[in-house]
């Protein structure tokens, strides 16, 4: 399993409009590609020196191959949708390979 992580710092001036767009349009469009099984959006809670608010959106996919298909078939068009926010957001992307997963119930003492 892979996670495609997108971290975005958003200028306060456009924050509310951008957040609404992410939740109502962009994340659903990413999921609609069929390449990702879920998305998790989180807000970074430390204050950034550069100001603004920072978010991480983690899109889960089944394999590196599926992620590569996203890049070749969908990435350019979906990234172009954020051009309205150019100069007001800073984005970087990271690929994460899931090594393992643990849940609290697995580690409860009997």
PDB file of N, CA and C in Angstrom:
ATOM      1  N   UNK A   1       0.851  -1.169   0.000  1.00  0.00           N
ATOM      2  CA  UNK A   1       0.000   0.000   0.000  1.00  0.00           C
ATOM      3  C   UNK A   1       0.899   1.236   0.000  1.00  0.00           C
ATOM      4  N   UNK A   2       0.452   2.273  -0.683  1.00  0.00           N
ATOM      5  CA  UNK A   2       1.175   3.534  -0.769  1.00  0.00           C
ATOM      6  C   UNK A   2       0.267   4.675  -0.321  1.00  0.00           C
ATOM      7  N   UNK A   3       0.901   5.706   0.196  1.00  0.00           N
ATOM      8  CA  UNK A   3       0.196   6.943   0.520  1.00  0.00           C
ATOM      9  C   UNK A   3       0.840   8.060  -0.277  1.00  0.00           C
ATOM     10  N   UNK A   4       0.012   8.782  -0.992  1.00  0.00           N
ATOM     11  CA  UNK A   4       0.439   9.969  -1.729  1.00  0.00           C
ATOM     12  C   UNK A   4       0.091  11.145  -0.829  1.00  0.00           C
ATOM     13  N   UNK A   5       1.115  11.744  -0.223  1.00  0.00           N
ATOM     14  CA  UNK A   5       0.925  12.826   0.731  1.00  0.00           C
ATOM     15  C   UNK A   5       1.156  14.173   0.049  1.00  0.00           C
ATOM     16  N   UNK A   6       0.201  15.066   0.184  1.00  0.00           N
ATOM     17  CA  UNK A   6       0.329  16.414  -0.356  1.00  0.00           C
ATOM     18  C   UNK A   6       0.235  17.384   0.821  1.00  0.00           C
ATOM     19  N   UNK A   7       1.306  18.144   1.040  1.00  0.00           N
ATOM     20  CA  UNK A   7       1.340  19.125   2.116  1.00  0.00           C
ATOM     21  C   UNK A   7       1.219  20.504   1.486  1.00  0.00           C
ATOM     22  N   UNK A   8       0.304  21.311   2.014  1.00  0.00           N
ATOM     23  CA  UNK A   8       0.001  22.612   1.426  1.00  0.00           C
ATOM     24  C   UNK A   8      -0.010  23.679   2.505  1.00  0.00           C
ATOM     25  N   UNK A   9       0.764  24.747   2.288  1.00  0.00           N
ATOM     26  CA  UNK A   9       0.680  25.919   3.145  1.00  0.00           C
ATOM     27  C   UNK A   9      -0.180  26.936   2.408  1.00  0.00           C
ATOM     28  N   UNK A  10      -1.201  27.445   3.106  1.00  0.00           N
ATOM     29  CA  UNK A  10      -2.205  28.307   2.490  1.00  0.00           C
ATOM     30  C   UNK A  10      -2.177  29.691   3.122  1.00  0.00           C
ATOM     31  N   UNK A  11      -2.109  30.727   2.293  1.00  0.00           N
ATOM     32  CA  UNK A  11      -2.158  32.107   2.760  1.00  0.00           C
ATOM     33  C   UNK A  11      -3.517  32.371   3.411  1.00  0.00           C
ATOM     34  N   UNK A  12      -3.492  33.064   4.537  1.00  0.00           N
ATOM     35  CA  UNK A  12      -4.730  33.380   5.277  1.00  0.00           C
ATOM     36  C   UNK A  12      -5.766  34.086   4.387  1.00  0.00           C
ATOM     37  N   UNK A  13      -5.307  34.874   3.440  1.00  0.00           N
ATOM     38  CA  UNK A  13      -6.206  35.672   2.587  1.00  0.00           C
ATOM     39  C   UNK A  13      -7.191  34.793   1.819  1.00  0.00           C
ATOM     40  N   UNK A  14      -6.744  33.628   1.380  1.00  0.00           N
ATOM     41  CA  UNK A  14      -7.609  32.748   0.576  1.00  0.00           C
ATOM     42  C   UNK A  14      -8.027  31.490   1.326  1.00  0.00           C
ATOM     43  N   UNK A  15      -7.643  31.375   2.572  1.00  0.00           N
ATOM     44  CA  UNK A  15      -7.816  30.134   3.321  1.00  0.00           C
ATOM     45  C   UNK A  15      -9.226  29.568   3.244  1.00  0.00           C
ATOM     46  N   UNK A  16     -10.230  30.342   3.587  1.00  0.00           N
ATOM     47  CA  UNK A  16     -11.596  29.810   3.666  1.00  0.00           C
ATOM     48  C   UNK A  16     -12.107  29.327   2.311  1.00  0.00           C
ATOM     49  N   UNK A  17     -11.827  30.094   1.263  1.00  0.00           N
ATOM     50  CA  UNK A  17     -12.259  29.705  -0.086  1.00  0.00           C
ATOM     51  C   UNK A  17     -11.518  28.452  -0.532  1.00  0.00           C
ATOM     52  N   UNK A  18     -10.222  28.411  -0.279  1.00  0.00           N
ATOM     53  CA  UNK A  18      -9.411  27.254  -0.648  1.00  0.00           C
ATOM     54  C   UNK A  18      -9.879  26.000   0.087  1.00  0.00           C
ATOM     55  N   UNK A  19     -10.115  26.108   1.391  1.00  0.00           N
ATOM     56  CA  UNK A  19     -10.541  24.951   2.181  1.00  0.00           C
ATOM     57  C   UNK A  19     -11.867  24.404   1.674  1.00  0.00           C
ATOM     58  N   UNK A  20     -12.801  25.277   1.370  1.00  0.00           N
ATOM     59  CA  UNK A  20     -14.094  24.834   0.825  1.00  0.00           C
ATOM     60  C   UNK A  20     -13.895  24.117  -0.511  1.00  0.00           C
ATOM     61  N   UNK A  21     -13.032  24.666  -1.358  1.00  0.00           N
ATOM     62  CA  UNK A  21     -12.732  24.049  -2.661  1.00  0.00           C
ATOM     63  C   UNK A  21     -12.108  22.663  -2.472  1.00  0.00           C
ATOM     64  N   UNK A  22     -11.166  22.543  -1.547  1.00  0.00           N
ATOM     65  CA  UNK A  22     -10.525  21.246  -1.301  1.00  0.00           C
ATOM     66  C   UNK A  22     -11.548  20.197  -0.891  1.00  0.00           C
ATOM     67  N   UNK A  23     -12.387  20.543   0.067  1.00  0.00           N
ATOM     68  CA  UNK A  23     -13.336  19.582   0.635  1.00  0.00           C
ATOM     69  C   UNK A  23     -14.458  19.242  -0.340  1.00  0.00           C
ATOM     70  N   UNK A  24     -14.958  20.242  -1.058  1.00  0.00           N
ATOM     71  CA  UNK A  24     -16.124  19.995  -1.902  1.00  0.00           C
ATOM     72  C   UNK A  24     -15.790  19.619  -3.347  1.00  0.00           C
ATOM     73  N   UNK A  25     -14.578  19.977  -3.819  1.00  0.00           N
ATOM     74  CA  UNK A  25     -14.254  19.718  -5.221  1.00  0.00           C
ATOM     75  C   UNK A  25     -12.993  18.884  -5.435  1.00  0.00           C
ATOM     76  N   UNK A  26     -11.871  19.350  -4.889  1.00  0.00           N
ATOM     77  CA  UNK A  26     -10.605  18.716  -5.243  1.00  0.00           C
ATOM     78  C   UNK A  26     -10.459  17.292  -4.683  1.00  0.00           C
ATOM     79  N   UNK A  27     -10.684  17.109  -3.404  1.00  0.00           N
ATOM     80  CA  UNK A  27     -10.548  15.766  -2.838  1.00  0.00           C
ATOM     81  C   UNK A  27     -11.540  14.798  -3.481  1.00  0.00           C
ATOM     82  N   UNK A  28     -12.817  15.177  -3.654  1.00  0.00           N
ATOM     83  CA  UNK A  28     -13.725  14.268  -4.378  1.00  0.00           C
ATOM     84  C   UNK A  28     -13.243  13.947  -5.798  1.00  0.00           C
ATOM     85  N   UNK A  29     -12.647  14.926  -6.486  1.00  0.00           N
ATOM     86  CA  UNK A  29     -12.127  14.674  -7.839  1.00  0.00           C
ATOM     87  C   UNK A  29     -10.951  13.696  -7.803  1.00  0.00           C
ATOM     88  N   UNK A  30     -10.098  13.816  -6.800  1.00  0.00           N
ATOM     89  CA  UNK A  30      -8.992  12.867  -6.649  1.00  0.00           C
ATOM     90  C   UNK A  30      -9.530  11.454  -6.435  1.00  0.00           C
ATOM     91  N   UNK A  31     -10.502  11.314  -5.561  1.00  0.00           N
ATOM     92  CA  UNK A  31     -11.082   9.994  -5.296  1.00  0.00           C
ATOM     93  C   UNK A  31     -11.823   9.448  -6.517  1.00  0.00           C
ATOM     94  N   UNK A  32     -12.416  10.339  -7.290  1.00  0.00           N
ATOM     95  CA  UNK A  32     -13.171   9.926  -8.477  1.00  0.00           C
ATOM     96  C   UNK A  32     -12.277   9.343  -9.574  1.00  0.00           C
ATOM     97  N   UNK A  33     -10.964   9.544  -9.488  1.00  0.00           N
ATOM     98  CA  UNK A  33     -10.069   8.933 -10.479  1.00  0.00           C
ATOM     99  C   UNK A  33     -10.069   7.420 -10.367  1.00  0.00           C
ATOM    100  N   UNK A  34     -10.506   6.908  -9.215  1.00  0.00           N
ATOM    101  CA  UNK A  34     -10.483   5.474  -8.989  1.00  0.00           C
ATOM    102  C   UNK A  34      -9.114   4.953  -8.588  1.00  0.00           C
ATOM    103  N   UNK A  35      -8.153   5.853  -8.432  1.00  0.00           N
ATOM    104  CA  UNK A  35      -6.786   5.445  -8.087  1.00  0.00           C
ATOM    105  C   UNK A  35      -6.549   5.403  -6.577  1.00  0.00           C
ATOM    106  N   UNK A  36      -7.433   6.040  -5.804  1.00  0.00           N
ATOM    107  CA  UNK A  36      -7.249   6.138  -4.357  1.00  0.00           C
ATOM    108  C   UNK A  36      -8.478   5.592  -3.637  1.00  0.00           C
ATOM    109  N   UNK A  37      -8.241   4.857  -2.547  1.00  0.00           N
ATOM    110  CA  UNK A  37      -9.350   4.267  -1.803  1.00  0.00           C
ATOM    111  C   UNK A  37      -9.884   5.183  -0.712  1.00  0.00           C
ATOM    112  N   UNK A  38      -9.043   6.112  -0.240  1.00  0.00           N
ATOM    113  CA  UNK A  38      -9.508   7.057   0.772  1.00  0.00           C
ATOM    114  C   UNK A  38      -8.579   8.250   0.823  1.00  0.00           C
ATOM    115  N   UNK A  39      -9.066   9.298   1.479  1.00  0.00           N
ATOM    116  CA  UNK A  39      -8.272  10.507   1.690  1.00  0.00           C
ATOM    117  C   UNK A  39      -8.435  10.926   3.142  1.00  0.00           C
ATOM    118  N   UNK A  40      -7.339  11.365   3.735  1.00  0.00           N
ATOM    119  CA  UNK A  40      -7.345  11.869   5.102  1.00  0.00           C
ATOM    120  C   UNK A  40      -6.747  13.261   5.070  1.00  0.00           C
ATOM    121  N   UNK A  41      -7.522  14.259   5.510  1.00  0.00           N
ATOM    122  CA  UNK A  41      -7.033  15.632   5.539  1.00  0.00           C
ATOM    123  C   UNK A  41      -6.793  16.037   6.985  1.00  0.00           C
ATOM    124  N   UNK A  42      -5.587  16.548   7.253  1.00  0.00           N
ATOM    125  CA  UNK A  42      -5.239  16.993   8.593  1.00  0.00           C
ATOM    126  C   UNK A  42      -4.654  18.397   8.527  1.00  0.00           C
ATOM    127  N   UNK A  43      -4.766  19.111   9.642  1.00  0.00           N
ATOM    128  CA  UNK A  43      -4.156  20.428   9.733  1.00  0.00           C
ATOM    129  C   UNK A  43      -2.935  20.328  10.633  1.00  0.00           C
ATOM    130  N   UNK A  44      -1.825  20.886  10.179  1.00  0.00           N
ATOM    131  CA  UNK A  44      -0.612  20.938  10.979  1.00  0.00           C
ATOM    132  C   UNK A  44      -0.849  21.955  12.094  1.00  0.00           C
ATOM    133  N   UNK A  45      -0.580  21.554  13.340  1.00  0.00           N
ATOM    134  CA  UNK A  45      -0.957  22.404  14.465  1.00  0.00           C
ATOM    135  C   UNK A  45       0.170  23.309  14.976  1.00  0.00           C
ATOM    136  N   UNK A  46       1.360  23.210  14.408  1.00  0.00           N
ATOM    137  CA  UNK A  46       2.410  24.150  14.807  1.00  0.00           C
ATOM    138  C   UNK A  46       2.327  25.400  13.936  1.00  0.00           C
ATOM    139  N   UNK A  47       2.768  26.528  14.486  1.00  0.00           N
ATOM    140  CA  UNK A  47       2.776  27.765  13.703  1.00  0.00           C
ATOM    141  C   UNK A  47       3.955  27.753  12.753  1.00  0.00           C
ATOM    142  N   UNK A  48       3.687  28.074  11.515  1.00  0.00           N
ATOM    143  CA  UNK A  48       4.727  28.118  10.498  1.00  0.00           C
ATOM    144  C   UNK A  48       5.398  29.485  10.499  1.00  0.00           C
ATOM    145  N   UNK A  49       6.720  29.519  10.339  1.00  0.00           N
ATOM    146  CA  UNK A  49       7.440  30.791  10.242  1.00  0.00           C
ATOM    147  C   UNK A  49       6.948  31.606   9.056  1.00  0.00           C
ATOM    148  N   UNK A  50       6.574  30.913   7.994  1.00  0.00           N
ATOM    149  CA  UNK A  50       6.124  31.601   6.780  1.00  0.00           C
ATOM    150  C   UNK A  50       4.689  32.129   6.904  1.00  0.00           C
ATOM    151  N   UNK A  51       4.021  31.805   8.017  1.00  0.00           N
ATOM    152  CA  UNK A  51       2.639  32.224   8.200  1.00  0.00           C
ATOM    153  C   UNK A  51       1.686  31.275   7.503  1.00  0.00           C
ATOM    154  N   UNK A  52       0.436  31.659   7.450  1.00  0.00           N
ATOM    155  CA  UNK A  52      -0.580  30.831   6.817  1.00  0.00           C
ATOM    156  C   UNK A  52      -0.917  29.616   7.657  1.00  0.00           C
ATOM    157  N   UNK A  53      -1.707  28.747   7.061  1.00  0.00           N
ATOM    158  CA  UNK A  53      -2.087  27.484   7.695  1.00  0.00           C
ATOM    159  C   UNK A  53      -1.609  26.355   6.798  1.00  0.00           C
ATOM    160  N   UNK A  54      -1.179  25.265   7.425  1.00  0.00           N
ATOM    161  CA  UNK A  54      -0.644  24.143   6.665  1.00  0.00           C
ATOM    162  C   UNK A  54      -1.498  22.904   6.876  1.00  0.00           C
ATOM    163  N   UNK A  55      -1.728  22.204   5.777  1.00  0.00           N
ATOM    164  CA  UNK A  55      -2.529  20.983   5.770  1.00  0.00           C
ATOM    165  C   UNK A  55      -1.744  19.857   5.115  1.00  0.00           C
ATOM    166  N   UNK A  56      -2.092  18.634   5.493  1.00  0.00           N
ATOM    167  CA  UNK A  56      -1.581  17.446   4.834  1.00  0.00           C
ATOM    168  C   UNK A  56      -2.789  16.637   4.387  1.00  0.00           C
ATOM    169  N   UNK A  57      -2.783  16.246   3.124  1.00  0.00           N
ATOM    170  CA  UNK A  57      -3.830  15.368   2.622  1.00  0.00           C
ATOM    171  C   UNK A  57      -3.149  14.077   2.185  1.00  0.00           C
ATOM    172  N   UNK A  58      -3.587  12.972   2.767  1.00  0.00           N
ATOM    173  CA  UNK A  58      -2.997  11.679   2.471  1.00  0.00           C
ATOM    174  C   UNK A  58      -4.002  10.830   1.698  1.00  0.00           C
ATOM    175  N   UNK A  59      -3.613  10.498   0.468  1.00  0.00           N
ATOM    176  CA  UNK A  59      -4.446   9.673  -0.403  1.00  0.00           C
ATOM    177  C   UNK A  59      -3.873   8.256  -0.408  1.00  0.00           C
ATOM    178  N   UNK A  60      -4.670   7.274  -0.037  1.00  0.00           N
ATOM    179  CA  UNK A  60      -4.222   5.884   0.023  1.00  0.00           C
ATOM    180  C   UNK A  60      -4.477   5.195  -1.309  1.00  0.00           C
ATOM    181  N   UNK A  61      -3.464   4.484  -1.794  1.00  0.00           N
ATOM    182  CA  UNK A  61      -3.583   3.719  -3.032  1.00  0.00           C
ATOM    183  C   UNK A  61      -2.996   2.329  -2.828  1.00  0.00           C
ATOM    184  N   UNK A  62      -3.357   1.404  -3.683  1.00  0.00           N
ATOM    185  CA  UNK A  62      -2.966   0.016  -3.475  1.00  0.00           C
ATOM    186  C   UNK A  62      -1.533  -0.306  -3.860  1.00  0.00           C
ATOM    187  N   UNK A  63      -0.930   0.489  -4.772  1.00  0.00           N
ATOM    188  CA  UNK A  63       0.407   0.121  -5.246  1.00  0.00           C
ATOM    189  C   UNK A  63       1.115   1.311  -5.891  1.00  0.00           C
ATOM    190  N   UNK A  64       2.412   1.144  -6.051  1.00  0.00           N
ATOM    191  CA  UNK A  64       3.230   2.131  -6.759  1.00  0.00           C
ATOM    192  C   UNK A  64       2.756   2.247  -8.214  1.00  0.00           C
ATOM    193  N   UNK A  65       2.363   1.132  -8.790  1.00  0.00           N
ATOM    194  CA  UNK A  65       1.891   1.133 -10.181  1.00  0.00           C
ATOM    195  C   UNK A  65       0.626   1.982 -10.341  1.00  0.00           C
ATOM    196  N   UNK A  66      -0.296   1.871  -9.399  1.00  0.00           N
ATOM    197  CA  UNK A  66      -1.512   2.681  -9.455  1.00  0.00           C
ATOM    198  C   UNK A  66      -1.174   4.155  -9.297  1.00  0.00           C
ATOM    199  N   UNK A  67      -0.239   4.458  -8.415  1.00  0.00           N
ATOM    200  CA  UNK A  67       0.191   5.849  -8.236  1.00  0.00           C
ATOM    201  C   UNK A  67       0.831   6.379  -9.520  1.00  0.00           C
ATOM    202  N   UNK A  68       1.632   5.559 -10.171  1.00  0.00           N
ATOM    203  CA  UNK A  68       2.239   5.961 -11.449  1.00  0.00           C
ATOM    204  C   UNK A  68       1.168   6.214 -12.508  1.00  0.00           C
ATOM    205  N   UNK A  69       0.109   5.406 -12.504  1.00  0.00           N
ATOM    206  CA  UNK A  69      -1.008   5.641 -13.433  1.00  0.00           C
ATOM    207  C   UNK A  69      -1.694   6.964 -13.126  1.00  0.00           C
ATOM    208  N   UNK A  70      -1.838   7.296 -11.848  1.00  0.00           N
ATOM    209  CA  UNK A  70      -2.394   8.605 -11.486  1.00  0.00           C
ATOM    210  C   UNK A  70      -1.538   9.718 -12.085  1.00  0.00           C
ATOM    211  N   UNK A  71      -0.225   9.608 -11.923  1.00  0.00           N
ATOM    212  CA  UNK A  71       0.671  10.641 -12.467  1.00  0.00           C
ATOM    213  C   UNK A  71       0.499  10.799 -13.973  1.00  0.00           C
ATOM    214  N   UNK A  72       0.437   9.681 -14.681  1.00  0.00           N
ATOM    215  CA  UNK A  72       0.373   9.758 -16.144  1.00  0.00           C
ATOM    216  C   UNK A  72      -1.010  10.092 -16.683  1.00  0.00           C
ATOM    217  N   UNK A  73      -2.062   9.709 -15.970  1.00  0.00           N
ATOM    218  CA  UNK A  73      -3.414   9.884 -16.490  1.00  0.00           C
ATOM    219  C   UNK A  73      -4.181  11.070 -15.891  1.00  0.00           C
ATOM    220  N   UNK A  74      -3.874  11.474 -14.660  1.00  0.00           N
ATOM    221  CA  UNK A  74      -4.729  12.436 -13.976  1.00  0.00           C
ATOM    222  C   UNK A  74      -4.027  13.643 -13.357  1.00  0.00           C
ATOM    223  N   UNK A  75      -2.758  13.491 -12.987  1.00  0.00           N
ATOM    224  CA  UNK A  75      -2.092  14.506 -12.162  1.00  0.00           C
ATOM    225  C   UNK A  75      -2.081  15.896 -12.789  1.00  0.00           C
ATOM    226  N   UNK A  76      -1.728  15.995 -14.050  1.00  0.00           N
ATOM    227  CA  UNK A  76      -1.632  17.317 -14.673  1.00  0.00           C
ATOM    228  C   UNK A  76      -2.957  18.069 -14.624  1.00  0.00           C
ATOM    229  N   UNK A  77      -4.030  17.394 -14.982  1.00  0.00           N
ATOM    230  CA  UNK A  77      -5.343  18.047 -15.003  1.00  0.00           C
ATOM    231  C   UNK A  77      -5.786  18.453 -13.600  1.00  0.00           C
ATOM    232  N   UNK A  78      -5.580  17.571 -12.621  1.00  0.00           N
ATOM    233  CA  UNK A  78      -6.010  17.888 -11.262  1.00  0.00           C
ATOM    234  C   UNK A  78      -5.149  18.986 -10.632  1.00  0.00           C
ATOM    235  N   UNK A  79      -3.862  18.965 -10.904  1.00  0.00           N
ATOM    236  CA  UNK A  79      -2.993  20.025 -10.386  1.00  0.00           C
ATOM    237  C   UNK A  79      -3.326  21.369 -11.022  1.00  0.00           C
ATOM    238  N   UNK A  80      -3.719  21.365 -12.271  1.00  0.00           N
ATOM    239  CA  UNK A  80      -4.071  22.607 -12.966  1.00  0.00           C
ATOM    240  C   UNK A  80      -5.271  23.293 -12.317  1.00  0.00           C
ATOM    241  N   UNK A  81      -6.138  22.527 -11.677  1.00  0.00           N
ATOM    242  CA  UNK A  81      -7.311  23.113 -11.029  1.00  0.00           C
ATOM    243  C   UNK A  81      -6.937  24.066  -9.893  1.00  0.00           C
ATOM    244  N   UNK A  82      -5.741  23.930  -9.344  1.00  0.00           N
ATOM    245  CA  UNK A  82      -5.332  24.796  -8.231  1.00  0.00           C
ATOM    246  C   UNK A  82      -4.673  26.079  -8.698  1.00  0.00           C
ATOM    247  N   UNK A  83      -4.591  26.308  -9.999  1.00  0.00           N
ATOM    248  CA  UNK A  83      -3.934  27.512 -10.524  1.00  0.00           C
ATOM    249  C   UNK A  83      -4.594  28.800 -10.048  1.00  0.00           C
ATOM    250  N   UNK A  84      -5.861  28.737  -9.700  1.00  0.00           N
ATOM    251  CA  UNK A  84      -6.556  29.925  -9.182  1.00  0.00           C
ATOM    252  C   UNK A  84      -5.913  30.415  -7.882  1.00  0.00           C
ATOM    253  N   UNK A  85      -5.166  29.537  -7.216  1.00  0.00           N
ATOM    254  CA  UNK A  85      -4.547  29.884  -5.933  1.00  0.00           C
ATOM    255  C   UNK A  85      -3.045  30.109  -6.060  1.00  0.00           C
ATOM    256  N   UNK A  86      -2.549  30.199  -7.287  1.00  0.00           N
ATOM    257  CA  UNK A  86      -1.114  30.369  -7.528  1.00  0.00           C
ATOM    258  C   UNK A  86      -0.584  31.595  -6.788  1.00  0.00           C
ATOM    259  N   UNK A  87       0.564  31.430  -6.163  1.00  0.00           N
ATOM    260  CA  UNK A  87       1.174  32.518  -5.410  1.00  0.00           C
ATOM    261  C   UNK A  87       0.647  32.641  -3.992  1.00  0.00           C
ATOM    262  N   UNK A  88      -0.435  31.913  -3.684  1.00  0.00           N
ATOM    263  CA  UNK A  88      -1.049  31.967  -2.353  1.00  0.00           C
ATOM    264  C   UNK A  88      -0.955  30.625  -1.622  1.00  0.00           C
ATOM    265  N   UNK A  89      -0.455  29.601  -2.317  1.00  0.00           N
ATOM    266  CA  UNK A  89      -0.243  28.294  -1.685  1.00  0.00           C
ATOM    267  C   UNK A  89       1.154  27.800  -2.054  1.00  0.00           C
ATOM    268  N   UNK A  90       1.729  27.037  -1.136  1.00  0.00           N
ATOM    269  CA  UNK A  90       2.994  26.353  -1.396  1.00  0.00           C
ATOM    270  C   UNK A  90       2.726  24.874  -1.148  1.00  0.00           C
ATOM    271  N   UNK A  91       3.043  24.054  -2.135  1.00  0.00           N
ATOM    272  CA  UNK A  91       2.708  22.639  -2.081  1.00  0.00           C
ATOM    273  C   UNK A  91       3.950  21.779  -2.265  1.00  0.00           C
ATOM    274  N   UNK A  92       4.042  20.711  -1.495  1.00  0.00           N
ATOM    275  CA  UNK A  92       5.025  19.689  -1.818  1.00  0.00           C
ATOM    276  C   UNK A  92       4.414  18.321  -1.614  1.00  0.00           C
ATOM    277  N   UNK A  93       4.905  17.379  -2.397  1.00  0.00           N
ATOM    278  CA  UNK A  93       4.316  16.044  -2.448  1.00  0.00           C
ATOM    279  C   UNK A  93       5.339  14.994  -2.033  1.00  0.00           C
ATOM    280  N   UNK A  94       4.866  13.973  -1.341  1.00  0.00           N
ATOM    281  CA  UNK A  94       5.720  12.891  -0.869  1.00  0.00           C
ATOM    282  C   UNK A  94       5.019  11.563  -1.099  1.00  0.00           C
ATOM    283  N   UNK A  95       5.763  10.576  -1.560  1.00  0.00           N
ATOM    284  CA  UNK A  95       5.246   9.214  -1.672  1.00  0.00           C
ATOM    285  C   UNK A  95       5.702   8.432  -0.453  1.00  0.00           C
ATOM    286  N   UNK A  96       4.769   7.738   0.177  1.00  0.00           N
ATOM    287  CA  UNK A  96       5.073   6.942   1.362  1.00  0.00           C
ATOM    288  C   UNK A  96       4.673   5.494   1.112  1.00  0.00           C
ATOM    289  N   UNK A  97       5.565   4.575   1.401  1.00  0.00           N
ATOM    290  CA  UNK A  97       5.226   3.158   1.312  1.00  0.00           C
ATOM    291  C   UNK A  97       4.854   2.682   2.711  1.00  0.00           C
ATOM    292  N   UNK A  98       3.684   2.088   2.836  1.00  0.00           N
ATOM    293  CA  UNK A  98       3.222   1.593   4.131  1.00  0.00           C
ATOM    294  C   UNK A  98       3.968   0.306   4.448  1.00  0.00           C
ATOM    295  N   UNK A  99       4.643   0.294   5.583  1.00  0.00           N
ATOM    296  CA  UNK A  99       5.404  -0.877   6.024  1.00  0.00           C
ATOM    297  C   UNK A  99       4.552  -1.754   6.939  1.00  0.00           C
ATOM    298  N   UNK A 100       3.761  -1.133   7.777  1.00  0.00           N
ATOM    299  CA  UNK A 100       2.908  -1.872   8.692  1.00  0.00           C
ATOM    300  C   UNK A 100       1.909  -0.935   9.334  1.00  0.00           C
ATOM    301  N   UNK A 101       0.959  -1.508  10.017  1.00  0.00           N
ATOM    302  CA  UNK A 101      -0.084  -0.725  10.671  1.00  0.00           C
ATOM    303  C   UNK A 101      -0.458  -1.420  11.967  1.00  0.00           C
ATOM    304  N   UNK A 102      -0.630  -0.652  13.027  1.00  0.00           N
ATOM    305  CA  UNK A 102      -1.007  -1.218  14.320  1.00  0.00           C
ATOM    306  C   UNK A 102      -2.228  -0.493  14.850  1.00  0.00           C
ATOM    307  N   UNK A 103      -3.032  -1.194  15.590  1.00  0.00           N
ATOM    308  CA  UNK A 103      -4.218  -0.622  16.217  1.00  0.00           C
ATOM    309  C   UNK A 103      -4.163  -0.926  17.707  1.00  0.00           C
ATOM    310  N   UNK A 104      -4.691  -0.050  18.512  1.00  0.00           N
ATOM    311  CA  UNK A 104      -4.666  -0.229  19.965  1.00  0.00           C
ATOM    312  C   UNK A 104      -5.200  -1.583  20.406  1.00  0.00           C
ATOM    313  N   UNK A 105      -6.273  -2.047  19.792  1.00  0.00           N
ATOM    314  CA  UNK A 105      -6.874  -3.302  20.229  1.00  0.00           C
ATOM    315  C   UNK A 105      -5.919  -4.493  20.073  1.00  0.00           C
ATOM    316  N   UNK A 106      -4.919  -4.381  19.210  1.00  0.00           N
ATOM    317  CA  UNK A 106      -3.950  -5.447  19.016  1.00  0.00           C
ATOM    318  C   UNK A 106      -2.988  -5.564  20.201  1.00  0.00           C
ATOM    319  N   UNK A 107      -2.857  -4.498  20.969  1.00  0.00           N
ATOM    320  CA  UNK A 107      -1.857  -4.456  22.010  1.00  0.00           C
ATOM    321  C   UNK A 107      -2.437  -4.407  23.414  1.00  0.00           C
ATOM    322  N   UNK A 108      -3.716  -4.682  23.558  1.00  0.00           N
ATOM    323  CA  UNK A 108      -4.347  -4.720  24.881  1.00  0.00           C
ATOM    324  C   UNK A 108      -3.893  -5.941  25.650  1.00  0.00           C
ATOM    325  N   UNK A 109      -3.667  -5.741  26.923  1.00  0.00           N
ATOM    326  CA  UNK A 109      -3.307  -6.878  27.786  1.00  0.00           C
ATOM    327  C   UNK A 109      -4.575  -7.637  28.185  1.00  0.00           C
ATOM    328  N   UNK A 110      -4.459  -8.934  28.273  1.00  0.00           N
ATOM    329  CA  UNK A 110      -5.615  -9.763  28.687  1.00  0.00           C
ATOM    330  C   UNK A 110      -5.705  -9.845  30.182  1.00  0.00           C
TER     331      UNK A 110
END
